[in-house]
Amino acid sequence: MRKLLNTLFITTPESYLTKDGQNVVVSIKQQEVFRIPVLNIESIVTFGYVGASPGVMKLCADCGIGLTFLSPSGSFIGRMQGKVRGNVLLRKAQYALAEDTTRCTELAKVCIAGKIHNSRSVLRRYIRDYGACGDVEGAILLLDVAKRNVLKSDSRDSIRGLEGEAASNYFSVFGNLIIHQKSTFPFAGRNRRPPKDAVNAMLSLAYTLLTSDVVSALETVGLDPYVGFLHTIRPGRASLALDMVEELRAYLGDRFVLSLINRKQVSEKDFLKQGEEGVQLTDKGRKVFLTAWQQRKKEEITHPFLCEKIPVGLIPYAQAMLMARCVRGDLDSYPVFLLK
C-alpha cells in the first residue's frame, strides 16, 4: 500500500516556488520562508496566483508530484503533471471499456448507488446521534427509492437524472445536520460558481481537493483520469476522477464540513463576501480548513472491502487500485466504497 505523504498547501498570494537541490523552496518577496525535501511530499496545491519556477516544475514532474493551481476562492485553474506512467495495456483496456455502453452503464450504476448509499448513511448517523426528525427520515426513504431505481436503470442518462434528484433530496435536509452555529451557517441548498454561503464555499473547496487527490491516485495506478464511464468525456474534464469522487463526497467532503461547523473550528469571521453573492474563506479561515483537512487524512479506518486499516487519506488510492483491478478483469465488478 502506498505511504501517505504530505500535501504542501501554499496560501500566501505573494509566494514563489523554486528548486534547491532536492528541496522545494517557498519564498515571499525574495525571502525564503519554508523549504521541504521533495521526498516528503506527494502533491502541492496553491491558492491565488502563485508563481513557480521551471526548475521546481521539472522537479515535481520527475518525482511524480502533482502541482495544482487554484484561484483564491478554491476554484480549479490547472494542474501540471510529468510523463504519463503506468501500464499501457491497462489504459488500452480502459479505453475499450469506455466504448462498451453496457459495461459503462453497470459501472455508473455502482458509483451512483454508492453515492446515494453513503449520503443516506450520513443522514442515518444524524438520526442515531440526535433522535427522530421527520424531514430527515423522509429524505432517507427517498434515497432508498433512488438507490433501487439506479440499480434498475438501463441507461446512463436515466442514472444521471436519478442522481440529480437524489442529491436535491439529500441537500434539502442537509441544514438539519448543522447542530451548532445554525444561525451563523444557514444552508438553503447546494449552489456554486460562486458559492453563495459559507457552507457551500467549504463544500466546494472540499470537493476540489478531493478531486485533485483522486486524479493523482488514478495516475499513480496507471489509469487515465480523463476517460470515465458516467461523466461525459470532453477536453479538460477528468471524467473518471469525477465518477469516482461521487462515492466519496459524503464521507470525505460532507462529514468533514459538518464537523468543522459543529465543533466550532470555523466561525463567521473566517469568511468574506465577494460582491453581492459570492462567499469565500479568508486567508485565516483557509488555513484552519486545510490544517483540519490534513489531520483528517491521517486518521485510520478499516477499509470495507480490503478489510485492512489505512489512513483516510489513502482511500482514493485504495479505490483507484480496485478500479484498475476491475478494468483488468481481475474483479467481476468495482467494489464501491460504502459506509456502514
C-alpha atoms as a PDB file:
ATOM      1  CA  MET A   1       0.000   0.000   0.000  1.00  0.00           C
ATOM      2  CA  ARG A   2       1.202   3.481  -0.823  1.00  0.00           C
ATOM      3  CA  LYS A   3       2.695   5.519   2.027  1.00  0.00           C
ATOM      4  CA  LEU A   4       0.698   8.616   2.995  1.00  0.00           C
ATOM      5  CA  LEU A   5       2.871  11.669   2.475  1.00  0.00           C
ATOM      6  CA  ASN A   6       2.121  15.351   2.959  1.00  0.00           C
ATOM      7  CA  THR A   7       0.366  17.798   0.694  1.00  0.00           C
ATOM      8  CA  LEU A   8       2.066  21.193   0.650  1.00  0.00           C
ATOM      9  CA  PHE A   9      -0.580  23.939   0.617  1.00  0.00           C
ATOM     10  CA  ILE A  10       0.563  27.408  -0.481  1.00  0.00           C
ATOM     11  CA  THR A  11      -1.946  30.040   0.651  1.00  0.00           C
ATOM     12  CA  THR A  12       0.038  33.311   0.610  1.00  0.00           C
ATOM     13  CA  PRO A  13      -0.571  35.068  -2.747  1.00  0.00           C
ATOM     14  CA  GLU A  14       2.950  36.578  -2.936  1.00  0.00           C
ATOM     15  CA  SER A  15       4.606  33.148  -2.704  1.00  0.00           C
ATOM     16  CA  TYR A  16       7.037  31.886  -5.330  1.00  0.00           C
ATOM     17  CA  LEU A  17       8.198  28.270  -5.604  1.00  0.00           C
ATOM     18  CA  THR A  18      11.742  27.365  -6.568  1.00  0.00           C
ATOM     19  CA  LYS A  19      14.048  24.337  -6.520  1.00  0.00           C
ATOM     20  CA  ASP A  20      17.199  23.973  -4.435  1.00  0.00           C
ATOM     21  CA  GLY A  21      18.741  20.554  -4.995  1.00  0.00           C
ATOM     22  CA  GLN A  22      16.046  18.058  -3.975  1.00  0.00           C
ATOM     23  CA  ASN A  23      14.093  20.636  -1.973  1.00  0.00           C
ATOM     24  CA  VAL A  24      11.045  22.744  -2.765  1.00  0.00           C
ATOM     25  CA  VAL A  25      11.617  26.287  -1.507  1.00  0.00           C
ATOM     26  CA  VAL A  26       8.866  28.819  -0.806  1.00  0.00           C
ATOM     27  CA  SER A  27       9.864  32.480  -0.944  1.00  0.00           C
ATOM     28  CA  ILE A  28       7.926  35.679  -0.299  1.00  0.00           C
ATOM     29  CA  LYS A  29       9.335  38.905  -1.708  1.00  0.00           C
ATOM     30  CA  GLN A  30      12.584  37.059  -2.482  1.00  0.00           C
ATOM     31  CA  GLN A  31      12.975  35.931   1.138  1.00  0.00           C
ATOM     32  CA  GLU A  32      12.956  32.179   1.856  1.00  0.00           C
ATOM     33  CA  VAL A  33      10.226  31.290   4.364  1.00  0.00           C
ATOM     34  CA  PHE A  34       9.984  27.492   4.037  1.00  0.00           C
ATOM     35  CA  ARG A  35      11.658  24.505   2.437  1.00  0.00           C
ATOM     36  CA  ILE A  36      10.848  20.828   2.367  1.00  0.00           C
ATOM     37  CA  PRO A  37      12.576  17.780   0.821  1.00  0.00           C
ATOM     38  CA  VAL A  38      10.715  16.644  -2.262  1.00  0.00           C
ATOM     39  CA  LEU A  39      10.667  13.058  -0.924  1.00  0.00           C
ATOM     40  CA  ASN A  40       8.390  14.165   1.932  1.00  0.00           C
ATOM     41  CA  ILE A  41       5.518  15.440  -0.229  1.00  0.00           C
ATOM     42  CA  GLU A  42       3.122  13.839  -2.669  1.00  0.00           C
ATOM     43  CA  SER A  43       1.442  16.956  -4.038  1.00  0.00           C
ATOM     44  CA  ILE A  44       1.473  20.759  -3.970  1.00  0.00           C
ATOM     45  CA  VAL A  45      -1.725  22.814  -4.016  1.00  0.00           C
ATOM     46  CA  THR A  46      -1.529  26.595  -4.437  1.00  0.00           C
ATOM     47  CA  PHE A  47      -4.224  29.200  -3.782  1.00  0.00           C
ATOM     48  CA  GLY A  48      -4.183  32.524  -5.590  1.00  0.00           C
ATOM     49  CA  TYR A  49      -1.874  33.327  -8.456  1.00  0.00           C
ATOM     50  CA  VAL A  50       1.303  31.835  -7.022  1.00  0.00           C
ATOM     51  CA  GLY A  51       4.398  31.639  -9.210  1.00  0.00           C
ATOM     52  CA  ALA A  52       6.566  28.583  -9.792  1.00  0.00           C
ATOM     53  CA  SER A  53       9.969  28.347 -11.491  1.00  0.00           C
ATOM     54  CA  PRO A  54      10.609  25.957 -14.412  1.00  0.00           C
ATOM     55  CA  GLY A  55      13.124  24.183 -12.178  1.00  0.00           C
ATOM     56  CA  VAL A  56      10.598  23.307  -9.478  1.00  0.00           C
ATOM     57  CA  MET A  57       8.088  22.268 -12.136  1.00  0.00           C
ATOM     58  CA  LYS A  58      10.614  19.809 -13.593  1.00  0.00           C
ATOM     59  CA  LEU A  59      11.448  18.521 -10.109  1.00  0.00           C
ATOM     60  CA  CYS A  60       7.758  17.853  -9.450  1.00  0.00           C
ATOM     61  CA  ALA A  61       7.338  16.203 -12.856  1.00  0.00           C
ATOM     62  CA  ASP A  62      10.375  13.947 -12.369  1.00  0.00           C
ATOM     63  CA  CYS A  63       9.214  12.888  -8.881  1.00  0.00           C
ATOM     64  CA  GLY A  64       5.573  12.318  -9.787  1.00  0.00           C
ATOM     65  CA  ILE A  65       4.313  15.197  -7.645  1.00  0.00           C
ATOM     66  CA  GLY A  66       1.106  16.875  -8.791  1.00  0.00           C
ATOM     67  CA  LEU A  67       1.261  20.690  -8.860  1.00  0.00           C
ATOM     68  CA  THR A  68      -2.269  22.089  -8.720  1.00  0.00           C
ATOM     69  CA  PHE A  69      -3.215  25.739  -9.123  1.00  0.00           C
ATOM     70  CA  LEU A  70      -6.460  27.021  -7.560  1.00  0.00           C
ATOM     71  CA  SER A  71      -7.955  30.508  -7.540  1.00  0.00           C
ATOM     72  CA  PRO A  72      -8.174  32.445  -4.240  1.00  0.00           C
ATOM     73  CA  SER A  73     -11.695  31.060  -3.771  1.00  0.00           C
ATOM     74  CA  GLY A  74     -10.538  27.473  -4.382  1.00  0.00           C
ATOM     75  CA  SER A  75     -11.764  27.067  -7.967  1.00  0.00           C
ATOM     76  CA  PHE A  76      -9.638  24.823 -10.159  1.00  0.00           C
ATOM     77  CA  ILE A  77      -7.325  26.646 -12.596  1.00  0.00           C
ATOM     78  CA  GLY A  78      -4.962  23.954 -13.810  1.00  0.00           C
ATOM     79  CA  ARG A  79      -2.702  21.061 -12.927  1.00  0.00           C
ATOM     80  CA  MET A  80       0.811  20.207 -14.043  1.00  0.00           C
ATOM     81  CA  GLN A  81       1.949  16.620 -14.405  1.00  0.00           C
ATOM     82  CA  GLY A  82       5.010  14.896 -15.734  1.00  0.00           C
ATOM     83  CA  LYS A  83       5.352  11.973 -18.110  1.00  0.00           C
ATOM     84  CA  VAL A  84       2.493   9.504 -18.209  1.00  0.00           C
ATOM     85  CA  ARG A  85       3.458   6.406 -16.254  1.00  0.00           C
ATOM     86  CA  GLY A  86       1.741   3.081 -15.844  1.00  0.00           C
ATOM     87  CA  ASN A  87       0.889   0.029 -17.875  1.00  0.00           C
ATOM     88  CA  VAL A  88      -0.166   0.882 -21.422  1.00  0.00           C
ATOM     89  CA  LEU A  89      -2.143  -2.367 -21.552  1.00  0.00           C
ATOM     90  CA  LEU A  90      -4.231  -1.187 -18.602  1.00  0.00           C
ATOM     91  CA  ARG A  91      -5.056   2.044 -20.409  1.00  0.00           C
ATOM     92  CA  LYS A  92      -5.937   0.163 -23.587  1.00  0.00           C
ATOM     93  CA  ALA A  93      -8.354  -1.952 -21.554  1.00  0.00           C
ATOM     94  CA  GLN A  94      -9.795   1.227 -20.020  1.00  0.00           C
ATOM     95  CA  TYR A  95     -10.363   2.811 -23.452  1.00  0.00           C
ATOM     96  CA  ALA A  96     -12.035  -0.346 -24.730  1.00  0.00           C
ATOM     97  CA  LEU A  97     -14.283  -0.441 -21.658  1.00  0.00           C
ATOM     98  CA  ALA A  98     -15.225   3.206 -22.215  1.00  0.00           C
ATOM     99  CA  GLU A  99     -16.608   2.237 -25.639  1.00  0.00           C
ATOM    100  CA  ASP A 100     -18.735  -0.574 -24.180  1.00  0.00           C
ATOM    101  CA  THR A 101     -22.094   1.043 -23.331  1.00  0.00           C
ATOM    102  CA  THR A 102     -23.337  -1.913 -21.302  1.00  0.00           C
ATOM    103  CA  ARG A 103     -20.279  -2.115 -19.062  1.00  0.00           C
ATOM    104  CA  CYS A 104     -20.141   1.665 -18.661  1.00  0.00           C
ATOM    105  CA  THR A 105     -23.755   1.664 -17.518  1.00  0.00           C
ATOM    106  CA  GLU A 106     -23.029  -1.066 -14.974  1.00  0.00           C
ATOM    107  CA  LEU A 107     -20.086   0.875 -13.539  1.00  0.00           C
ATOM    108  CA  ALA A 108     -22.137   4.080 -13.476  1.00  0.00           C
ATOM    109  CA  LYS A 109     -24.857   2.261 -11.533  1.00  0.00           C
ATOM    110  CA  VAL A 110     -22.381   1.084  -8.918  1.00  0.00           C
ATOM    111  CA  CYS A 111     -20.772   4.506  -8.446  1.00  0.00           C
ATOM    112  CA  ILE A 112     -24.053   6.427  -8.131  1.00  0.00           C
ATOM    113  CA  ALA A 113     -25.735   3.774  -5.996  1.00  0.00           C
ATOM    114  CA  GLY A 114     -22.689   4.014  -3.725  1.00  0.00           C
ATOM    115  CA  LYS A 115     -23.008   7.792  -3.577  1.00  0.00           C
ATOM    116  CA  ILE A 116     -26.674   7.576  -2.618  1.00  0.00           C
ATOM    117  CA  HIS A 117     -25.957   4.868  -0.039  1.00  0.00           C
ATOM    118  CA  ASN A 118     -23.265   6.999   1.596  1.00  0.00           C
ATOM    119  CA  SER A 119     -25.468  10.109   1.586  1.00  0.00           C
ATOM    120  CA  ARG A 120     -28.160   8.049   3.268  1.00  0.00           C
ATOM    121  CA  SER A 121     -25.617   6.853   5.856  1.00  0.00           C
ATOM    122  CA  VAL A 122     -24.760  10.460   6.758  1.00  0.00           C
ATOM    123  CA  LEU A 123     -28.455  11.157   7.379  1.00  0.00           C
ATOM    124  CA  ARG A 124     -28.931   7.944   9.350  1.00  0.00           C
ATOM    125  CA  ARG A 125     -25.993   8.862  11.566  1.00  0.00           C
ATOM    126  CA  TYR A 126     -27.755  12.112  12.418  1.00  0.00           C
ATOM    127  CA  ILE A 127     -30.889  10.172  13.433  1.00  0.00           C
ATOM    128  CA  ARG A 128     -28.795   7.800  15.527  1.00  0.00           C
ATOM    129  CA  ASP A 129     -26.984  10.611  17.319  1.00  0.00           C
ATOM    130  CA  TYR A 130     -29.772  13.158  17.749  1.00  0.00           C
ATOM    131  CA  GLY A 131     -33.059  11.272  17.529  1.00  0.00           C
ATOM    132  CA  ALA A 132     -36.012  11.238  15.177  1.00  0.00           C
ATOM    133  CA  CYS A 133     -36.553  14.035  12.660  1.00  0.00           C
ATOM    134  CA  GLY A 134     -39.419  13.785  10.196  1.00  0.00           C
ATOM    135  CA  ASP A 135     -37.747  15.701   7.380  1.00  0.00           C
ATOM    136  CA  VAL A 136     -34.507  13.717   7.589  1.00  0.00           C
ATOM    137  CA  GLU A 137     -36.329  10.395   7.843  1.00  0.00           C
ATOM    138  CA  GLY A 138     -38.400  11.358   4.802  1.00  0.00           C
ATOM    139  CA  ALA A 139     -35.244  12.106   2.832  1.00  0.00           C
ATOM    140  CA  ILE A 140     -33.771   8.735   3.856  1.00  0.00           C
ATOM    141  CA  LEU A 141     -36.811   6.967   2.408  1.00  0.00           C
ATOM    142  CA  LEU A 142     -36.489   8.914  -0.839  1.00  0.00           C
ATOM    143  CA  LEU A 143     -32.810   7.992  -1.074  1.00  0.00           C
ATOM    144  CA  ASP A 144     -33.707   4.314  -0.545  1.00  0.00           C
ATOM    145  CA  VAL A 145     -36.069   4.512  -3.510  1.00  0.00           C
ATOM    146  CA  ALA A 146     -33.499   6.380  -5.610  1.00  0.00           C
ATOM    147  CA  LYS A 147     -30.820   3.772  -4.928  1.00  0.00           C
ATOM    148  CA  ARG A 148     -33.135   0.928  -6.009  1.00  0.00           C
ATOM    149  CA  ASN A 149     -34.129   2.804  -9.153  1.00  0.00           C
ATOM    150  CA  VAL A 150     -30.498   3.487 -10.062  1.00  0.00           C
ATOM    151  CA  LEU A 151     -29.655  -0.208  -9.794  1.00  0.00           C
ATOM    152  CA  LYS A 152     -32.578  -0.977 -12.151  1.00  0.00           C
ATOM    153  CA  SER A 153     -31.653   1.703 -14.689  1.00  0.00           C
ATOM    154  CA  ASP A 154     -30.678   0.720 -18.207  1.00  0.00           C
ATOM    155  CA  SER A 155     -29.072   3.957 -19.417  1.00  0.00           C
ATOM    156  CA  ARG A 156     -26.570   6.496 -18.168  1.00  0.00           C
ATOM    157  CA  ASP A 157     -28.969   9.345 -18.906  1.00  0.00           C
ATOM    158  CA  SER A 158     -31.558   7.903 -16.516  1.00  0.00           C
ATOM    159  CA  ILE A 159     -28.832   7.340 -13.899  1.00  0.00           C
ATOM    160  CA  ARG A 160     -27.788  10.998 -14.160  1.00  0.00           C
ATOM    161  CA  GLY A 161     -31.396  12.081 -13.709  1.00  0.00           C
ATOM    162  CA  LEU A 162     -31.883   9.903 -10.643  1.00  0.00           C
ATOM    163  CA  GLU A 163     -28.582  11.087  -9.178  1.00  0.00           C
ATOM    164  CA  GLY A 164     -29.628  14.729  -9.535  1.00  0.00           C
ATOM    165  CA  GLU A 165     -32.982  14.038  -7.885  1.00  0.00           C
ATOM    166  CA  ALA A 166     -31.324  12.158  -5.008  1.00  0.00           C
ATOM    167  CA  ALA A 167     -28.794  14.968  -4.470  1.00  0.00           C
ATOM    168  CA  SER A 168     -31.620  17.504  -4.340  1.00  0.00           C
ATOM    169  CA  ASN A 169     -33.453  15.464  -1.683  1.00  0.00           C
ATOM    170  CA  TYR A 170     -30.258  14.988   0.326  1.00  0.00           C
ATOM    171  CA  PHE A 171     -29.267  18.635   0.340  1.00  0.00           C
ATOM    172  CA  SER A 172     -32.824  19.727   1.117  1.00  0.00           C
ATOM    173  CA  VAL A 173     -32.276  18.426   4.680  1.00  0.00           C
ATOM    174  CA  PHE A 174     -28.509  18.951   4.930  1.00  0.00           C
ATOM    175  CA  GLY A 175     -29.065  22.072   7.020  1.00  0.00           C
ATOM    176  CA  ASN A 176     -30.668  19.922   9.728  1.00  0.00           C
ATOM    177  CA  LEU A 177     -27.288  18.271  10.292  1.00  0.00           C
ATOM    178  CA  ILE A 178     -25.816  21.595  11.425  1.00  0.00           C
ATOM    179  CA  ILE A 179     -26.318  21.381  15.194  1.00  0.00           C
ATOM    180  CA  HIS A 180     -24.170  24.258  16.430  1.00  0.00           C
ATOM    181  CA  GLN A 181     -23.836  27.733  14.918  1.00  0.00           C
ATOM    182  CA  LYS A 182     -27.015  27.146  12.905  1.00  0.00           C
ATOM    183  CA  SER A 183     -27.792  30.857  12.616  1.00  0.00           C
ATOM    184  CA  THR A 184     -24.214  31.613  11.550  1.00  0.00           C
ATOM    185  CA  PHE A 185     -24.178  28.889   8.894  1.00  0.00           C
ATOM    186  CA  PRO A 186     -27.615  28.846   7.219  1.00  0.00           C
ATOM    187  CA  PHE A 187     -27.987  26.335   4.380  1.00  0.00           C
ATOM    188  CA  ALA A 188     -30.840  26.503   1.880  1.00  0.00           C
ATOM    189  CA  GLY A 189     -29.470  24.110  -0.732  1.00  0.00           C
ATOM    190  CA  ARG A 190     -26.440  23.382  -2.856  1.00  0.00           C
ATOM    191  CA  ASN A 191     -25.101  26.188  -5.031  1.00  0.00           C
ATOM    192  CA  ARG A 192     -21.733  27.013  -6.612  1.00  0.00           C
ATOM    193  CA  ARG A 193     -19.880  29.149  -9.170  1.00  0.00           C
ATOM    194  CA  PRO A 194     -19.703  31.120  -6.999  1.00  0.00           C
ATOM    195  CA  PRO A 195     -20.905  29.575  -3.716  1.00  0.00           C
ATOM    196  CA  LYS A 196     -23.389  31.940  -2.121  1.00  0.00           C
ATOM    197  CA  ASP A 197     -22.903  30.981   1.514  1.00  0.00           C
ATOM    198  CA  ALA A 198     -20.184  29.720   3.849  1.00  0.00           C
ATOM    199  CA  VAL A 199     -21.353  26.097   3.872  1.00  0.00           C
ATOM    200  CA  ASN A 200     -21.320  25.870   0.079  1.00  0.00           C
ATOM    201  CA  ALA A 201     -17.916  27.571  -0.023  1.00  0.00           C
ATOM    202  CA  MET A 202     -16.475  24.833   2.212  1.00  0.00           C
ATOM    203  CA  LEU A 203     -18.225  22.027   0.329  1.00  0.00           C
ATOM    204  CA  SER A 204     -16.855  23.304  -2.981  1.00  0.00           C
ATOM    205  CA  LEU A 205     -13.319  23.522  -1.611  1.00  0.00           C
ATOM    206  CA  ALA A 206     -13.532  20.032  -0.091  1.00  0.00           C
ATOM    207  CA  TYR A 207     -14.753  18.576  -3.411  1.00  0.00           C
ATOM    208  CA  THR A 208     -11.967  20.368  -5.318  1.00  0.00           C
ATOM    209  CA  LEU A 209      -9.276  18.969  -3.014  1.00  0.00           C
ATOM    210  CA  LEU A 210     -10.849  15.518  -3.156  1.00  0.00           C
ATOM    211  CA  THR A 211     -10.935  15.575  -6.956  1.00  0.00           C
ATOM    212  CA  SER A 212      -7.248  16.504  -7.053  1.00  0.00           C
ATOM    213  CA  ASP A 213      -6.444  13.543  -4.786  1.00  0.00           C
ATOM    214  CA  VAL A 214      -8.453  11.152  -6.959  1.00  0.00           C
ATOM    215  CA  VAL A 215      -6.742  12.389 -10.139  1.00  0.00           C
ATOM    216  CA  SER A 216      -3.355  11.737  -8.533  1.00  0.00           C
ATOM    217  CA  ALA A 217      -4.458   8.311  -7.357  1.00  0.00           C
ATOM    218  CA  LEU A 218      -5.665   7.266 -10.815  1.00  0.00           C
ATOM    219  CA  GLU A 219      -2.430   8.420 -12.430  1.00  0.00           C
ATOM    220  CA  THR A 220      -0.468   6.504  -9.779  1.00  0.00           C
ATOM    221  CA  VAL A 221      -2.110   3.176 -10.642  1.00  0.00           C
ATOM    222  CA  GLY A 222      -1.821   3.807 -14.399  1.00  0.00           C
ATOM    223  CA  LEU A 223      -5.401   4.759 -15.299  1.00  0.00           C
ATOM    224  CA  ASP A 224      -6.330   7.761 -17.423  1.00  0.00           C
ATOM    225  CA  PRO A 225      -8.323  10.144 -15.173  1.00  0.00           C
ATOM    226  CA  TYR A 226      -9.900  11.804 -18.228  1.00  0.00           C
ATOM    227  CA  VAL A 227     -11.691   8.739 -19.632  1.00  0.00           C
ATOM    228  CA  GLY A 228     -14.671   7.874 -17.456  1.00  0.00           C
ATOM    229  CA  PHE A 229     -17.858   5.895 -17.617  1.00  0.00           C
ATOM    230  CA  LEU A 230     -20.594   8.248 -16.341  1.00  0.00           C
ATOM    231  CA  HIS A 231     -19.475  11.859 -16.760  1.00  0.00           C
ATOM    232  CA  THR A 232     -19.346  12.930 -20.388  1.00  0.00           C
ATOM    233  CA  ILE A 233     -15.877  12.810 -21.904  1.00  0.00           C
ATOM    234  CA  ARG A 234     -14.709  16.226 -23.088  1.00  0.00           C
ATOM    235  CA  PRO A 235     -11.383  18.086 -23.260  1.00  0.00           C
ATOM    236  CA  GLY A 236     -10.104  19.201 -19.877  1.00  0.00           C
ATOM    237  CA  ARG A 237     -12.611  17.199 -17.813  1.00  0.00           C
ATOM    238  CA  ALA A 238     -11.206  14.480 -15.556  1.00  0.00           C
ATOM    239  CA  SER A 239     -14.259  12.296 -16.155  1.00  0.00           C
ATOM    240  CA  LEU A 240     -13.093   9.120 -14.421  1.00  0.00           C
ATOM    241  CA  ALA A 241     -11.943  11.121 -11.385  1.00  0.00           C
ATOM    242  CA  LEU A 242     -15.358  12.814 -11.231  1.00  0.00           C
ATOM    243  CA  ASP A 243     -17.049   9.398 -11.483  1.00  0.00           C
ATOM    244  CA  MET A 244     -15.079   8.107  -8.500  1.00  0.00           C
ATOM    245  CA  VAL A 245     -15.437  11.289  -6.442  1.00  0.00           C
ATOM    246  CA  GLU A 246     -19.192  10.659  -6.299  1.00  0.00           C
ATOM    247  CA  GLU A 247     -18.928   7.735  -3.874  1.00  0.00           C
ATOM    248  CA  LEU A 248     -16.522   9.685  -1.615  1.00  0.00           C
ATOM    249  CA  ARG A 249     -18.312  13.044  -1.370  1.00  0.00           C
ATOM    250  CA  ALA A 250     -20.479  12.246   1.636  1.00  0.00           C
ATOM    251  CA  TYR A 251     -17.759  10.662   3.759  1.00  0.00           C
ATOM    252  CA  LEU A 252     -14.702  12.737   2.863  1.00  0.00           C
ATOM    253  CA  GLY A 253     -16.408  16.026   1.988  1.00  0.00           C
ATOM    254  CA  ASP A 254     -19.799  16.484   3.636  1.00  0.00           C
ATOM    255  CA  ARG A 255     -18.992  14.962   7.005  1.00  0.00           C
ATOM    256  CA  PHE A 256     -15.758  16.927   7.162  1.00  0.00           C
ATOM    257  CA  VAL A 257     -17.531  20.249   6.582  1.00  0.00           C
ATOM    258  CA  LEU A 258     -20.200  19.395   9.160  1.00  0.00           C
ATOM    259  CA  SER A 259     -17.534  18.559  11.732  1.00  0.00           C
ATOM    260  CA  LEU A 260     -15.774  21.901  11.175  1.00  0.00           C
ATOM    261  CA  ILE A 261     -19.026  23.744  11.873  1.00  0.00           C
ATOM    262  CA  ASN A 262     -20.364  21.608  14.714  1.00  0.00           C
ATOM    263  CA  ARG A 263     -17.004  21.541  16.512  1.00  0.00           C
ATOM    264  CA  LYS A 264     -16.809  25.333  16.101  1.00  0.00           C
ATOM    265  CA  GLN A 265     -13.465  25.138  14.314  1.00  0.00           C
ATOM    266  CA  VAL A 266     -14.705  27.809  11.900  1.00  0.00           C
ATOM    267  CA  SER A 267     -16.717  30.935  12.609  1.00  0.00           C
ATOM    268  CA  GLU A 268     -18.367  33.798  10.766  1.00  0.00           C
ATOM    269  CA  LYS A 269     -15.063  35.713  10.838  1.00  0.00           C
ATOM    270  CA  ASP A 270     -13.442  33.070   8.632  1.00  0.00           C
ATOM    271  CA  PHE A 271     -15.488  34.061   5.565  1.00  0.00           C
ATOM    272  CA  LEU A 272     -15.523  37.012   3.226  1.00  0.00           C
ATOM    273  CA  LYS A 273     -18.283  38.168   0.885  1.00  0.00           C
ATOM    274  CA  GLN A 274     -17.245  38.746  -2.704  1.00  0.00           C
ATOM    275  CA  GLY A 275     -19.670  41.148  -4.372  1.00  0.00           C
ATOM    276  CA  GLU A 276     -23.361  40.635  -3.774  1.00  0.00           C
ATOM    277  CA  GLU A 277     -23.491  36.838  -3.928  1.00  0.00           C
ATOM    278  CA  GLY A 278     -20.127  35.062  -3.690  1.00  0.00           C
ATOM    279  CA  VAL A 279     -18.590  33.907  -0.392  1.00  0.00           C
ATOM    280  CA  GLN A 280     -15.075  32.570   0.168  1.00  0.00           C
ATOM    281  CA  LEU A 281     -12.791  31.664   3.055  1.00  0.00           C
ATOM    282  CA  THR A 282     -10.414  34.299   4.384  1.00  0.00           C
ATOM    283  CA  ASP A 283      -6.692  33.508   4.494  1.00  0.00           C
ATOM    284  CA  LYS A 284      -7.020  32.562   8.170  1.00  0.00           C
ATOM    285  CA  GLY A 285     -10.137  30.503   7.529  1.00  0.00           C
ATOM    286  CA  ARG A 286      -8.464  28.662   4.666  1.00  0.00           C
ATOM    287  CA  LYS A 287      -5.515  27.759   6.893  1.00  0.00           C
ATOM    288  CA  VAL A 288      -7.911  26.387   9.539  1.00  0.00           C
ATOM    289  CA  PHE A 289      -9.712  24.383   6.843  1.00  0.00           C
ATOM    290  CA  LEU A 290      -6.534  22.946   5.295  1.00  0.00           C
ATOM    291  CA  THR A 291      -4.947  22.100   8.641  1.00  0.00           C
ATOM    292  CA  ALA A 292      -8.060  20.171   9.665  1.00  0.00           C
ATOM    293  CA  TRP A 293      -8.169  18.516   6.205  1.00  0.00           C
ATOM    294  CA  GLN A 294      -4.625  17.218   6.618  1.00  0.00           C
ATOM    295  CA  GLN A 295      -5.333  15.986  10.144  1.00  0.00           C
ATOM    296  CA  ARG A 296      -8.428  14.164   8.940  1.00  0.00           C
ATOM    297  CA  LYS A 297      -6.395  12.379   6.254  1.00  0.00           C
ATOM    298  CA  LYS A 298      -4.112  10.929   8.938  1.00  0.00           C
ATOM    299  CA  GLU A 299      -6.959   9.225  10.833  1.00  0.00           C
ATOM    300  CA  GLU A 300      -7.285   5.475  10.260  1.00  0.00           C
ATOM    301  CA  ILE A 301     -10.266   3.404   9.208  1.00  0.00           C
ATOM    302  CA  THR A 302     -10.808  -0.234   8.262  1.00  0.00           C
ATOM    303  CA  HIS A 303     -11.457  -0.341   4.525  1.00  0.00           C
ATOM    304  CA  PRO A 304     -14.846  -2.047   3.936  1.00  0.00           C
ATOM    305  CA  PHE A 305     -13.612  -4.213   1.049  1.00  0.00           C
ATOM    306  CA  LEU A 306      -9.911  -4.700   1.751  1.00  0.00           C
ATOM    307  CA  CYS A 307     -10.563  -5.231   5.492  1.00  0.00           C
ATOM    308  CA  GLU A 308      -7.271  -3.504   6.262  1.00  0.00           C
ATOM    309  CA  LYS A 309      -6.581  -0.421   8.362  1.00  0.00           C
ATOM    310  CA  ILE A 310      -5.491   2.505   6.200  1.00  0.00           C
ATOM    311  CA  PRO A 311      -5.266   6.279   6.691  1.00  0.00           C
ATOM    312  CA  VAL A 312      -8.327   8.157   5.443  1.00  0.00           C
ATOM    313  CA  GLY A 313      -6.055   9.998   3.006  1.00  0.00           C
ATOM    314  CA  LEU A 314      -5.309   6.732   1.182  1.00  0.00           C
ATOM    315  CA  ILE A 315      -8.947   5.925   0.424  1.00  0.00           C
ATOM    316  CA  PRO A 316      -8.681   7.489  -3.078  1.00  0.00           C
ATOM    317  CA  TYR A 317      -5.601   5.335  -3.778  1.00  0.00           C
ATOM    318  CA  ALA A 318      -7.300   2.183  -2.500  1.00  0.00           C
ATOM    319  CA  GLN A 319     -10.316   2.845  -4.731  1.00  0.00           C
ATOM    320  CA  ALA A 320      -8.115   3.644  -7.730  1.00  0.00           C
ATOM    321  CA  MET A 321      -6.293   0.335  -7.218  1.00  0.00           C
ATOM    322  CA  LEU A 322      -9.613  -1.518  -7.085  1.00  0.00           C
ATOM    323  CA  MET A 323     -10.840   0.263 -10.221  1.00  0.00           C
ATOM    324  CA  ALA A 324      -7.638  -0.822 -12.014  1.00  0.00           C
ATOM    325  CA  ARG A 325      -8.290  -4.422 -10.977  1.00  0.00           C
ATOM    326  CA  CYS A 326     -11.836  -4.148 -12.290  1.00  0.00           C
ATOM    327  CA  VAL A 327     -10.681  -2.703 -15.619  1.00  0.00           C
ATOM    328  CA  ARG A 328      -8.101  -5.504 -15.996  1.00  0.00           C
ATOM    329  CA  GLY A 329     -10.808  -8.089 -15.315  1.00  0.00           C
ATOM    330  CA  ASP A 330      -9.320  -9.279 -12.002  1.00  0.00           C
ATOM    331  CA  LEU A 331     -12.593  -8.349 -10.275  1.00  0.00           C
ATOM    332  CA  ASP A 332     -16.088  -9.015 -11.588  1.00  0.00           C
ATOM    333  CA  SER A 333     -17.268  -5.561 -10.557  1.00  0.00           C
ATOM    334  CA  TYR A 334     -15.919  -2.399  -8.990  1.00  0.00           C
ATOM    335  CA  PRO A 335     -16.109  -2.537  -5.144  1.00  0.00           C
ATOM    336  CA  VAL A 336     -17.502   0.903  -4.390  1.00  0.00           C
ATOM    337  CA  PHE A 337     -16.564   2.481  -1.021  1.00  0.00           C
ATOM    338  CA  LEU A 338     -19.576   2.044   1.277  1.00  0.00           C
ATOM    339  CA  LEU A 339     -20.179   3.499   4.723  1.00  0.00           C
ATOM    340  CA  LYS A 340     -21.715   1.214   7.297  1.00  0.00           C
END
